[in-house]
C-alpha atoms as a PDB file:
ATOM      1  CA  UNK A   1     150.553  94.658  41.200  1.00  0.00           C
ATOM      2  CA  UNK A   2     149.099  91.529  42.818  1.00  0.00           C
ATOM      3  CA  UNK A   3     152.581  90.432  43.868  1.00  0.00           C
ATOM      4  CA  UNK A   4     153.201  93.787  45.540  1.00  0.00           C
ATOM      5  CA  UNK A   5     149.936  93.628  47.469  1.00  0.00           C
ATOM      6  CA  UNK A   6     150.655  90.034  48.490  1.00  0.00           C
ATOM      7  CA  UNK A   7     154.134  91.012  49.699  1.00  0.00           C
ATOM      8  CA  UNK A   8     152.750  93.896  51.754  1.00  0.00           C
ATOM      9  CA  UNK A   9     150.143  91.608  53.344  1.00  0.00           C
ATOM     10  CA  UNK A  10     152.834  89.054  54.218  1.00  0.00           C
ATOM     11  CA  UNK A  11     154.941  91.738  55.871  1.00  0.00           C
ATOM     12  CA  UNK A  12     151.988  93.011  57.894  1.00  0.00           C
ATOM     13  CA  UNK A  13     151.151  89.489  59.072  1.00  0.00           C
ATOM     14  CA  UNK A  14     154.727  88.863  60.164  1.00  0.00           C
ATOM     15  CA  UNK A  15     154.739  92.089  62.183  1.00  0.00           C
ATOM     16  CA  UNK A  16     151.605  90.904  63.979  1.00  0.00           C
ATOM     17  CA  UNK A  17     153.216  87.562  64.757  1.00  0.00           C
ATOM     18  CA  UNK A  18     156.240  89.262  66.307  1.00  0.00           C
ATOM     19  CA  UNK A  19     153.966  91.334  68.533  1.00  0.00           C
ATOM     20  CA  UNK A  20     152.710  88.214  70.313  1.00  0.00           C
ATOM     21  CA  UNK A  21     155.310  88.506  73.086  1.00  0.00           C
ATOM     22  CA  UNK A  22     154.352  89.819  76.520  1.00  0.00           C
ATOM     23  CA  UNK A  23     156.465  91.760  78.966  1.00  0.00           C
ATOM     24  CA  UNK A  24     156.951  90.231  82.413  1.00  0.00           C
ATOM     25  CA  UNK A  25     158.411  92.324  85.201  1.00  0.00           C
ATOM     26  CA  UNK A  26     159.180  91.296  88.737  1.00  0.00           C
ATOM     27  CA  UNK A  27     161.494  91.251  91.711  1.00  0.00           C
ATOM     28  CA  UNK A  28     163.418  88.144  92.780  1.00  0.00           C
ATOM     29  CA  UNK A  29     163.676  87.657  96.543  1.00  0.00           C
ATOM     30  CA  UNK A  30     165.105  84.919  98.742  1.00  0.00           C
ATOM     31  CA  UNK A  31     163.390  83.059 101.615  1.00  0.00           C
ATOM     32  CA  UNK A  32     164.066  85.960 104.001  1.00  0.00           C
ATOM     33  CA  UNK A  33     162.610  88.577 101.647  1.00  0.00           C
ATOM     34  CA  UNK A  34     165.957  90.045 100.607  1.00  0.00           C
ATOM     35  CA  UNK A  35     166.303  90.938  96.927  1.00  0.00           C
ATOM     36  CA  UNK A  36     168.611  88.734  94.854  1.00  0.00           C
ATOM     37  CA  UNK A  37     171.139  90.612  92.725  1.00  0.00           C
ATOM     38  CA  UNK A  38     172.359  88.865  89.564  1.00  0.00           C
ATOM     39  CA  UNK A  39     169.786  86.053  89.476  1.00  0.00           C
ATOM     40  CA  UNK A  40     169.177  84.513  86.051  1.00  0.00           C
ATOM     41  CA  UNK A  41     165.596  84.677  84.733  1.00  0.00           C
ATOM     42  CA  UNK A  42     165.135  82.553  81.587  1.00  0.00           C
ATOM     43  CA  UNK A  43     162.154  81.582  79.440  1.00  0.00           C
ATOM     44  CA  UNK A  44     162.015  77.771  79.626  1.00  0.00           C
ATOM     45  CA  UNK A  45     162.996  76.048  76.378  1.00  0.00           C
ATOM     46  CA  UNK A  46     164.687  79.122  74.903  1.00  0.00           C
ATOM     47  CA  UNK A  47     167.880  81.132  75.246  1.00  0.00           C
ATOM     48  CA  UNK A  48     165.796  84.215  76.041  1.00  0.00           C
ATOM     49  CA  UNK A  49     166.792  85.542  79.450  1.00  0.00           C
ATOM     50  CA  UNK A  50     167.918  88.421  81.649  1.00  0.00           C
ATOM     51  CA  UNK A  51     169.817  89.029  84.885  1.00  0.00           C
ATOM     52  CA  UNK A  52     168.244  90.838  87.853  1.00  0.00           C
ATOM     53  CA  UNK A  53     169.578  94.300  88.624  1.00  0.00           C
ATOM     54  CA  UNK A  54     170.910  95.717  91.901  1.00  0.00           C
ATOM     55  CA  UNK A  55     167.331  95.920  93.224  1.00  0.00           C
ATOM     56  CA  UNK A  56     166.490  92.339  92.187  1.00  0.00           C
ATOM     57  CA  UNK A  57     164.214  93.643  89.420  1.00  0.00           C
ATOM     58  CA  UNK A  58     163.883  92.213  85.911  1.00  0.00           C
ATOM     59  CA  UNK A  59     161.882  92.703  82.714  1.00  0.00           C
ATOM     60  CA  UNK A  60     161.605  89.909  80.153  1.00  0.00           C
ATOM     61  CA  UNK A  61     159.644  89.558  76.899  1.00  0.00           C
ATOM     62  CA  UNK A  62     158.124  86.046  76.690  1.00  0.00           C
ATOM     63  CA  UNK A  63     155.510  84.124  74.726  1.00  0.00           C
ATOM     64  CA  UNK A  64     151.998  84.422  76.236  1.00  0.00           C
ATOM     65  CA  UNK A  65     152.060  80.760  77.363  1.00  0.00           C
ATOM     66  CA  UNK A  66     155.759  80.759  78.219  1.00  0.00           C
ATOM     67  CA  UNK A  67     157.185  79.716  81.573  1.00  0.00           C
ATOM     68  CA  UNK A  68     160.159  81.260  83.306  1.00  0.00           C
ATOM     69  CA  UNK A  69     162.862  79.724  85.462  1.00  0.00           C
ATOM     70  CA  UNK A  70     164.851  81.659  88.056  1.00  0.00           C
ATOM     71  CA  UNK A  71     168.255  80.442  89.201  1.00  0.00           C
ATOM     72  CA  UNK A  72     171.075  81.871  91.263  1.00  0.00           C
END
């Protein structure tokens, strides 16, 4: 019984750890204010990234202290 309770507690803790990501949304624009289609938005130090859509918009889940890099 103790092993079962311990296992359940471990699973609940791991779910909480996975929920530590935050959603970042934005629009990538160039120097003239035009939206950039197909720009790469990546969390620095990871392979986590997305590409901007036809409106230059993106949504990315990152660590709370994470940094993003945009390239085109």
